[in-house]
Amino acid sequence: MPQTRKILTLHSPIGADVVDQLLTSIEDALHRVGATRVWIDPRSTHDLTVMAELPDAADRADAAEVPDPRLIDESDAVRS
């Protein structure tokens, strides 16, 4: 059974083009890992809260625990 998860909150103000590219990338990534539904929480106001229905980790043999991003070493971050 899918579980509804709060994925992230995108704080405003940033340009519409940046928002569009970020949200498209996030949606694509979530669908690649099995999200059945991705949406913006309609209760969010100035900030956009991205929600998703993801498979229950217990139902997926390949599911791994996602690390707390605050604990990831900056040298592990992807740079462009």
PDB file of N, CA and C in Angstrom:
ATOM      1  N   MET A   1       0.845  -1.178   0.000  1.00  0.00           N
ATOM      2  CA  MET A   1       0.000   0.000   0.000  1.00  0.00           C
ATOM      3  C   MET A   1       0.891   1.242   0.000  1.00  0.00           C
ATOM      4  N   PRO A   2       0.656   2.184  -0.916  1.00  0.00           N
ATOM      5  CA  PRO A   2       1.491   3.399  -0.961  1.00  0.00           C
ATOM      6  C   PRO A   2       1.287   4.262   0.281  1.00  0.00           C
ATOM      7  N   GLN A   3       2.360   4.944   0.662  1.00  0.00           N
ATOM      8  CA  GLN A   3       2.301   5.861   1.795  1.00  0.00           C
ATOM      9  C   GLN A   3       2.489   7.280   1.290  1.00  0.00           C
ATOM     10  N   THR A   4       1.665   8.196   1.809  1.00  0.00           N
ATOM     11  CA  THR A   4       1.804   9.605   1.444  1.00  0.00           C
ATOM     12  C   THR A   4       2.952  10.185   2.242  1.00  0.00           C
ATOM     13  N   ARG A   5       3.860  10.848   1.532  1.00  0.00           N
ATOM     14  CA  ARG A   5       5.048  11.442   2.160  1.00  0.00           C
ATOM     15  C   ARG A   5       5.185  12.907   1.755  1.00  0.00           C
ATOM     16  N   LYS A   6       5.599  13.725   2.713  1.00  0.00           N
ATOM     17  CA  LYS A   6       5.995  15.099   2.413  1.00  0.00           C
ATOM     18  C   LYS A   6       7.434  15.008   1.924  1.00  0.00           C
ATOM     19  N   ILE A   7       7.694  15.447   0.700  1.00  0.00           N
ATOM     20  CA  ILE A   7       9.011  15.298   0.092  1.00  0.00           C
ATOM     21  C   ILE A   7       9.886  16.497   0.396  1.00  0.00           C
ATOM     22  N   LEU A   8       9.387  17.688   0.116  1.00  0.00           N
ATOM     23  CA  LEU A   8      10.163  18.893   0.395  1.00  0.00           C
ATOM     24  C   LEU A   8       9.283  20.109   0.342  1.00  0.00           C
ATOM     25  N   THR A   9       9.784  21.196   0.912  1.00  0.00           N
ATOM     26  CA  THR A   9       9.127  22.493   0.800  1.00  0.00           C
ATOM     27  C   THR A   9      10.073  23.422   0.082  1.00  0.00           C
ATOM     28  N   LEU A  10       9.586  23.991  -0.996  1.00  0.00           N
ATOM     29  CA  LEU A  10      10.372  24.907  -1.816  1.00  0.00           C
ATOM     30  C   LEU A  10      10.006  26.324  -1.394  1.00  0.00           C
ATOM     31  N   HIS A  11      10.979  27.022  -0.815  1.00  0.00           N
ATOM     32  CA  HIS A  11      10.716  28.360  -0.293  1.00  0.00           C
ATOM     33  C   HIS A  11      10.790  29.400  -1.400  1.00  0.00           C
ATOM     34  N   SER A  12       9.853  30.307  -1.346  1.00  0.00           N
ATOM     35  CA  SER A  12       9.798  31.398  -2.311  1.00  0.00           C
ATOM     36  C   SER A  12      10.603  32.565  -1.764  1.00  0.00           C
ATOM     37  N   PRO A  13      10.964  33.531  -2.505  1.00  0.00           N
ATOM     38  CA  PRO A  13      10.717  33.685  -3.939  1.00  0.00           C
ATOM     39  C   PRO A  13      11.917  33.214  -4.769  1.00  0.00           C
ATOM     40  N   ILE A  14      11.623  32.483  -5.772  1.00  0.00           N
ATOM     41  CA  ILE A  14      12.600  32.150  -6.806  1.00  0.00           C
ATOM     42  C   ILE A  14      11.866  32.236  -8.135  1.00  0.00           C
ATOM     43  N   GLY A  15      12.615  32.391  -9.206  1.00  0.00           N
ATOM     44  CA  GLY A  15      12.002  32.579 -10.512  1.00  0.00           C
ATOM     45  C   GLY A  15      11.164  31.403 -10.972  1.00  0.00           C
ATOM     46  N   ALA A  16      10.162  31.697 -11.769  1.00  0.00           N
ATOM     47  CA  ALA A  16       9.251  30.676 -12.280  1.00  0.00           C
ATOM     48  C   ALA A  16       9.993  29.608 -13.078  1.00  0.00           C
ATOM     49  N   ASP A  17      11.005  29.992 -13.843  1.00  0.00           N
ATOM     50  CA  ASP A  17      11.765  29.026 -14.637  1.00  0.00           C
ATOM     51  C   ASP A  17      12.515  28.058 -13.725  1.00  0.00           C
ATOM     52  N   VAL A  18      13.071  28.572 -12.645  1.00  0.00           N
ATOM     53  CA  VAL A  18      13.784  27.721 -11.689  1.00  0.00           C
ATOM     54  C   VAL A  18      12.802  26.759 -11.026  1.00  0.00           C
ATOM     55  N   VAL A  19      11.659  27.268 -10.613  1.00  0.00           N
ATOM     56  CA  VAL A  19      10.636  26.430  -9.981  1.00  0.00           C
ATOM     57  C   VAL A  19      10.208  25.320 -10.932  1.00  0.00           C
ATOM     58  N   ASP A  20       9.946  25.668 -12.184  1.00  0.00           N
ATOM     59  CA  ASP A  20       9.507  24.683 -13.169  1.00  0.00           C
ATOM     60  C   ASP A  20      10.549  23.583 -13.349  1.00  0.00           C
ATOM     61  N   GLN A  21      11.809  23.965 -13.507  1.00  0.00           N
ATOM     62  CA  GLN A  21      12.864  22.970 -13.704  1.00  0.00           C
ATOM     63  C   GLN A  21      13.053  22.093 -12.463  1.00  0.00           C
ATOM     64  N   LEU A  22      13.035  22.688 -11.292  1.00  0.00           N
ATOM     65  CA  LEU A  22      13.180  21.914 -10.054  1.00  0.00           C
ATOM     66  C   LEU A  22      12.043  20.919  -9.874  1.00  0.00           C
ATOM     67  N   LEU A  23      10.815  21.406 -10.031  1.00  0.00           N
ATOM     68  CA  LEU A  23       9.667  20.536  -9.819  1.00  0.00           C
ATOM     69  C   LEU A  23       9.608  19.411 -10.846  1.00  0.00           C
ATOM     70  N   THR A  24       9.965  19.697 -12.084  1.00  0.00           N
ATOM     71  CA  THR A  24       9.993  18.662 -13.117  1.00  0.00           C
ATOM     72  C   THR A  24      11.031  17.597 -12.782  1.00  0.00           C
ATOM     73  N   SER A  25      12.211  18.024 -12.352  1.00  0.00           N
ATOM     74  CA  SER A  25      13.269  17.076 -11.980  1.00  0.00           C
ATOM     75  C   SER A  25      12.869  16.225 -10.785  1.00  0.00           C
ATOM     76  N   ILE A  26      12.272  16.851  -9.795  1.00  0.00           N
ATOM     77  CA  ILE A  26      11.848  16.131  -8.595  1.00  0.00           C
ATOM     78  C   ILE A  26      10.754  15.123  -8.941  1.00  0.00           C
ATOM     79  N   GLU A  27       9.801  15.546  -9.751  1.00  0.00           N
ATOM     80  CA  GLU A  27       8.721  14.642 -10.154  1.00  0.00           C
ATOM     81  C   GLU A  27       9.276  13.439 -10.921  1.00  0.00           C
ATOM     82  N   ASP A  28      10.175  13.693 -11.864  1.00  0.00           N
ATOM     83  CA  ASP A  28      10.786  12.600 -12.639  1.00  0.00           C
ATOM     84  C   ASP A  28      11.514  11.623 -11.713  1.00  0.00           C
ATOM     85  N   ALA A  29      12.287  12.150 -10.768  1.00  0.00           N
ATOM     86  CA  ALA A  29      13.038  11.297  -9.842  1.00  0.00           C
ATOM     87  C   ALA A  29      12.100  10.468  -8.976  1.00  0.00           C
ATOM     88  N   LEU A  30      11.034  11.064  -8.503  1.00  0.00           N
ATOM     89  CA  LEU A  30      10.086  10.335  -7.659  1.00  0.00           C
ATOM     90  C   LEU A  30       9.394   9.216  -8.432  1.00  0.00           C
ATOM     91  N   HIS A  31       9.036   9.484  -9.679  1.00  0.00           N
ATOM     92  CA  HIS A  31       8.406   8.435 -10.491  1.00  0.00           C
ATOM     93  C   HIS A  31       9.392   7.302 -10.770  1.00  0.00           C
ATOM     94  N   ARG A  32      10.667   7.636 -10.963  1.00  0.00           N
ATOM     95  CA  ARG A  32      11.680   6.597 -11.200  1.00  0.00           C
ATOM     96  C   ARG A  32      11.835   5.655 -10.008  1.00  0.00           C
ATOM     97  N   VAL A  33      11.614   6.155  -8.797  1.00  0.00           N
ATOM     98  CA  VAL A  33      11.747   5.296  -7.618  1.00  0.00           C
ATOM     99  C   VAL A  33      10.408   4.706  -7.178  1.00  0.00           C
ATOM    100  N   GLY A  34       9.392   4.850  -8.009  1.00  0.00           N
ATOM    101  CA  GLY A  34       8.138   4.159  -7.751  1.00  0.00           C
ATOM    102  C   GLY A  34       6.978   4.979  -7.237  1.00  0.00           C
ATOM    103  N   ALA A  35       7.093   6.292  -7.211  1.00  0.00           N
ATOM    104  CA  ALA A  35       5.961   7.113  -6.768  1.00  0.00           C
ATOM    105  C   ALA A  35       4.787   6.900  -7.716  1.00  0.00           C
ATOM    106  N   THR A  36       3.614   6.710  -7.141  1.00  0.00           N
ATOM    107  CA  THR A  36       2.424   6.530  -7.953  1.00  0.00           C
ATOM    108  C   THR A  36       1.688   7.841  -8.179  1.00  0.00           C
ATOM    109  N   ARG A  37       2.007   8.838  -7.364  1.00  0.00           N
ATOM    110  CA  ARG A  37       1.351  10.140  -7.478  1.00  0.00           C
ATOM    111  C   ARG A  37       2.281  11.190  -6.879  1.00  0.00           C
ATOM    112  N   VAL A  38       2.402  12.347  -7.550  1.00  0.00           N
ATOM    113  CA  VAL A  38       3.211  13.469  -7.065  1.00  0.00           C
ATOM    114  C   VAL A  38       2.363  14.726  -7.240  1.00  0.00           C
ATOM    115  N   TRP A  39       2.311  15.584  -6.199  1.00  0.00           N
ATOM    116  CA  TRP A  39       1.492  16.781  -6.296  1.00  0.00           C
ATOM    117  C   TRP A  39       1.996  17.856  -5.347  1.00  0.00           C
ATOM    118  N   ILE A  40       1.490  19.081  -5.563  1.00  0.00           N
ATOM    119  CA  ILE A  40       1.756  20.211  -4.671  1.00  0.00           C
ATOM    120  C   ILE A  40       0.609  20.252  -3.668  1.00  0.00           C
ATOM    121  N   ASP A  41       0.944  20.293  -2.390  1.00  0.00           N
ATOM    122  CA  ASP A  41      -0.081  20.353  -1.351  1.00  0.00           C
ATOM    123  C   ASP A  41      -0.887  21.640  -1.541  1.00  0.00           C
ATOM    124  N   PRO A  42      -2.194  21.533  -1.757  1.00  0.00           N
ATOM    125  CA  PRO A  42      -3.003  22.732  -1.987  1.00  0.00           C
ATOM    126  C   PRO A  42      -3.101  23.646  -0.776  1.00  0.00           C
ATOM    127  N   ARG A  43      -2.733  23.139   0.404  1.00  0.00           N
ATOM    128  CA  ARG A  43      -2.755  23.979   1.612  1.00  0.00           C
ATOM    129  C   ARG A  43      -1.520  24.851   1.717  1.00  0.00           C
ATOM    130  N   SER A  44      -0.477  24.545   0.906  1.00  0.00           N
ATOM    131  CA  SER A  44       0.723  25.385   0.964  1.00  0.00           C
ATOM    132  C   SER A  44       0.394  26.731   0.335  1.00  0.00           C
ATOM    133  N   THR A  45       0.961  27.768   0.872  1.00  0.00           N
ATOM    134  CA  THR A  45       0.624  29.108   0.400  1.00  0.00           C
ATOM    135  C   THR A  45       1.798  29.700  -0.374  1.00  0.00           C
ATOM    136  N   HIS A  46       2.640  30.487   0.264  1.00  0.00           N
ATOM    137  CA  HIS A  46       3.768  31.111  -0.426  1.00  0.00           C
ATOM    138  C   HIS A  46       4.859  30.099  -0.763  1.00  0.00           C
ATOM    139  N   ASP A  47       5.065  29.129   0.099  1.00  0.00           N
ATOM    140  CA  ASP A  47       6.033  28.068  -0.154  1.00  0.00           C
ATOM    141  C   ASP A  47       5.295  26.890  -0.769  1.00  0.00           C
ATOM    142  N   LEU A  48       5.963  26.152  -1.654  1.00  0.00           N
ATOM    143  CA  LEU A  48       5.340  25.007  -2.303  1.00  0.00           C
ATOM    144  C   LEU A  48       5.781  23.729  -1.602  1.00  0.00           C
ATOM    145  N   THR A  49       4.835  22.941  -1.136  1.00  0.00           N
ATOM    146  CA  THR A  49       5.135  21.678  -0.479  1.00  0.00           C
ATOM    147  C   THR A  49       4.838  20.545  -1.452  1.00  0.00           C
ATOM    148  N   VAL A  50       5.877  19.782  -1.792  1.00  0.00           N
ATOM    149  CA  VAL A  50       5.752  18.663  -2.716  1.00  0.00           C
ATOM    150  C   VAL A  50       5.422  17.407  -1.917  1.00  0.00           C
ATOM    151  N   MET A  51       4.372  16.716  -2.343  1.00  0.00           N
ATOM    152  CA  MET A  51       3.925  15.483  -1.712  1.00  0.00           C
ATOM    153  C   MET A  51       4.023  14.352  -2.725  1.00  0.00           C
ATOM    154  N   ALA A  52       4.109  13.121  -2.231  1.00  0.00           N
ATOM    155  CA  ALA A  52       4.142  11.967  -3.135  1.00  0.00           C
ATOM    156  C   ALA A  52       3.605  10.739  -2.430  1.00  0.00           C
ATOM    157  N   GLU A  53       3.013   9.842  -3.221  1.00  0.00           N
ATOM    158  CA  GLU A  53       2.655   8.518  -2.735  1.00  0.00           C
ATOM    159  C   GLU A  53       3.766   7.588  -3.168  1.00  0.00           C
ATOM    160  N   LEU A  54       4.436   7.004  -2.199  1.00  0.00           N
ATOM    161  CA  LEU A  54       5.552   6.097  -2.464  1.00  0.00           C
ATOM    162  C   LEU A  54       5.208   4.709  -1.961  1.00  0.00           C
ATOM    163  N   PRO A  55       5.806   3.682  -2.590  1.00  0.00           N
ATOM    164  CA  PRO A  55       5.553   2.325  -2.103  1.00  0.00           C
ATOM    165  C   PRO A  55       6.025   2.180  -0.661  1.00  0.00           C
ATOM    166  N   ASP A  56       5.299   1.373   0.085  1.00  0.00           N
ATOM    167  CA  ASP A  56       5.704   1.078   1.456  1.00  0.00           C
ATOM    168  C   ASP A  56       7.037   0.345   1.404  1.00  0.00           C
ATOM    169  N   ALA A  57       8.017   0.790   2.147  1.00  0.00           N
ATOM    170  CA  ALA A  57       9.359   0.187   2.126  1.00  0.00           C
ATOM    171  C   ALA A  57       9.314  -1.306   2.439  1.00  0.00           C
ATOM    172  N   ALA A  58       8.368  -1.739   3.245  1.00  0.00           N
ATOM    173  CA  ALA A  58       8.272  -3.156   3.592  1.00  0.00           C
ATOM    174  C   ALA A  58       7.863  -3.996   2.386  1.00  0.00           C
ATOM    175  N   ASP A  59       7.221  -3.376   1.398  1.00  0.00           N
ATOM    176  CA  ASP A  59       6.788  -4.084   0.195  1.00  0.00           C
ATOM    177  C   ASP A  59       7.886  -4.189  -0.848  1.00  0.00           C
ATOM    178  N   ARG A  60       8.996  -3.491  -0.662  1.00  0.00           N
ATOM    179  CA  ARG A  60      10.054  -3.448  -1.675  1.00  0.00           C
ATOM    180  C   ARG A  60      11.309  -4.110  -1.141  1.00  0.00           C
ATOM    181  N   ALA A  61      11.754  -5.136  -1.822  1.00  0.00           N
ATOM    182  CA  ALA A  61      12.963  -5.850  -1.400  1.00  0.00           C
ATOM    183  C   ALA A  61      14.202  -4.988  -1.544  1.00  0.00           C
ATOM    184  N   ASP A  62      14.199  -4.052  -2.514  1.00  0.00           N
ATOM    185  CA  ASP A  62      15.382  -3.232  -2.770  1.00  0.00           C
ATOM    186  C   ASP A  62      15.344  -1.896  -2.024  1.00  0.00           C
ATOM    187  N   ALA A  63      14.368  -1.709  -1.164  1.00  0.00           N
ATOM    188  CA  ALA A  63      14.238  -0.429  -0.456  1.00  0.00           C
ATOM    189  C   ALA A  63      15.392  -0.259   0.522  1.00  0.00           C
ATOM    190  N   ALA A  64      15.972   0.907   0.499  1.00  0.00           N
ATOM    191  CA  ALA A  64      17.070   1.226   1.414  1.00  0.00           C
ATOM    192  C   ALA A  64      16.664   2.412   2.264  1.00  0.00           C
ATOM    193  N   GLU A  65      17.217   2.475   3.437  1.00  0.00           N
ATOM    194  CA  GLU A  65      16.951   3.609   4.316  1.00  0.00           C
ATOM    195  C   GLU A  65      17.599   4.853   3.717  1.00  0.00           C
ATOM    196  N   VAL A  66      16.834   5.928   3.625  1.00  0.00           N
ATOM    197  CA  VAL A  66      17.353   7.181   3.080  1.00  0.00           C
ATOM    198  C   VAL A  66      18.061   7.928   4.202  1.00  0.00           C
ATOM    199  N   PRO A  67      19.323   8.333   3.980  1.00  0.00           N
ATOM    200  CA  PRO A  67      20.047   9.025   5.050  1.00  0.00           C
ATOM    201  C   PRO A  67      19.498  10.427   5.297  1.00  0.00           C
ATOM    202  N   ASP A  68      19.660  10.892   6.505  1.00  0.00           N
ATOM    203  CA  ASP A  68      19.293  12.256   6.843  1.00  0.00           C
ATOM    204  C   ASP A  68      20.227  13.181   6.056  1.00  0.00           C
ATOM    205  N   PRO A  69      19.682  14.080   5.213  1.00  0.00           N
ATOM    206  CA  PRO A  69      20.554  14.920   4.386  1.00  0.00           C
ATOM    207  C   PRO A  69      21.455  15.828   5.197  1.00  0.00           C
ATOM    208  N   ARG A  70      21.096  16.101   6.438  1.00  0.00           N
ATOM    209  CA  ARG A  70      21.944  16.949   7.279  1.00  0.00           C
ATOM    210  C   ARG A  70      23.203  16.215   7.703  1.00  0.00           C
ATOM    211  N   LEU A  71      23.215  14.888   7.543  1.00  0.00           N
ATOM    212  CA  LEU A  71      24.370  14.098   7.962  1.00  0.00           C
ATOM    213  C   LEU A  71      25.300  13.759   6.806  1.00  0.00           C
ATOM    214  N   ILE A  72      24.913  14.132   5.592  1.00  0.00           N
ATOM    215  CA  ILE A  72      25.730  13.830   4.421  1.00  0.00           C
ATOM    216  C   ILE A  72      26.867  14.831   4.340  1.00  0.00           C
ATOM    217  N   ASP A  73      28.069  14.331   4.173  1.00  0.00           N
ATOM    218  CA  ASP A  73      29.250  15.168   4.061  1.00  0.00           C
ATOM    219  C   ASP A  73      29.147  16.016   2.790  1.00  0.00           C
ATOM    220  N   GLU A  74      29.489  17.271   2.880  1.00  0.00           N
ATOM    221  CA  GLU A  74      29.406  18.178   1.728  1.00  0.00           C
ATOM    222  C   GLU A  74      30.208  17.673   0.545  1.00  0.00           C
ATOM    223  N   SER A  75      31.279  16.918   0.784  1.00  0.00           N
ATOM    224  CA  SER A  75      32.090  16.402  -0.313  1.00  0.00           C
ATOM    225  C   SER A  75      31.339  15.339  -1.111  1.00  0.00           C
ATOM    226  N   ASP A  76      30.235  14.776  -0.535  1.00  0.00           N
ATOM    227  CA  ASP A  76      29.424  13.791  -1.241  1.00  0.00           C
ATOM    228  C   ASP A  76      28.437  14.442  -2.188  1.00  0.00           C
ATOM    229  N   ALA A  77      28.222  15.739  -2.061  1.00  0.00           N
ATOM    230  CA  ALA A  77      27.223  16.434  -2.861  1.00  0.00           C
ATOM    231  C   ALA A  77      27.635  16.475  -4.329  1.00  0.00           C
ATOM    232  N   VAL A  78      26.630  16.406  -5.195  1.00  0.00           N
ATOM    233  CA  VAL A  78      26.871  16.492  -6.639  1.00  0.00           C
ATOM    234  C   VAL A  78      27.028  17.960  -7.001  1.00  0.00           C
ATOM    235  N   ARG A  79      28.036  18.255  -7.745  1.00  0.00           N
ATOM    236  CA  ARG A  79      28.284  19.639  -8.169  1.00  0.00           C
ATOM    237  C   ARG A  79      28.201  19.714  -9.694  1.00  0.00           C
ATOM    238  N   SER A  80      27.710  20.846 -10.168  1.00  0.00           N
ATOM    239  CA  SER A  80      27.637  21.010 -11.629  1.00  0.00           C
ATOM    240  C   SER A  80      28.523  22.140 -12.074  1.00  0.00           C
TER     241      SER A  80
END
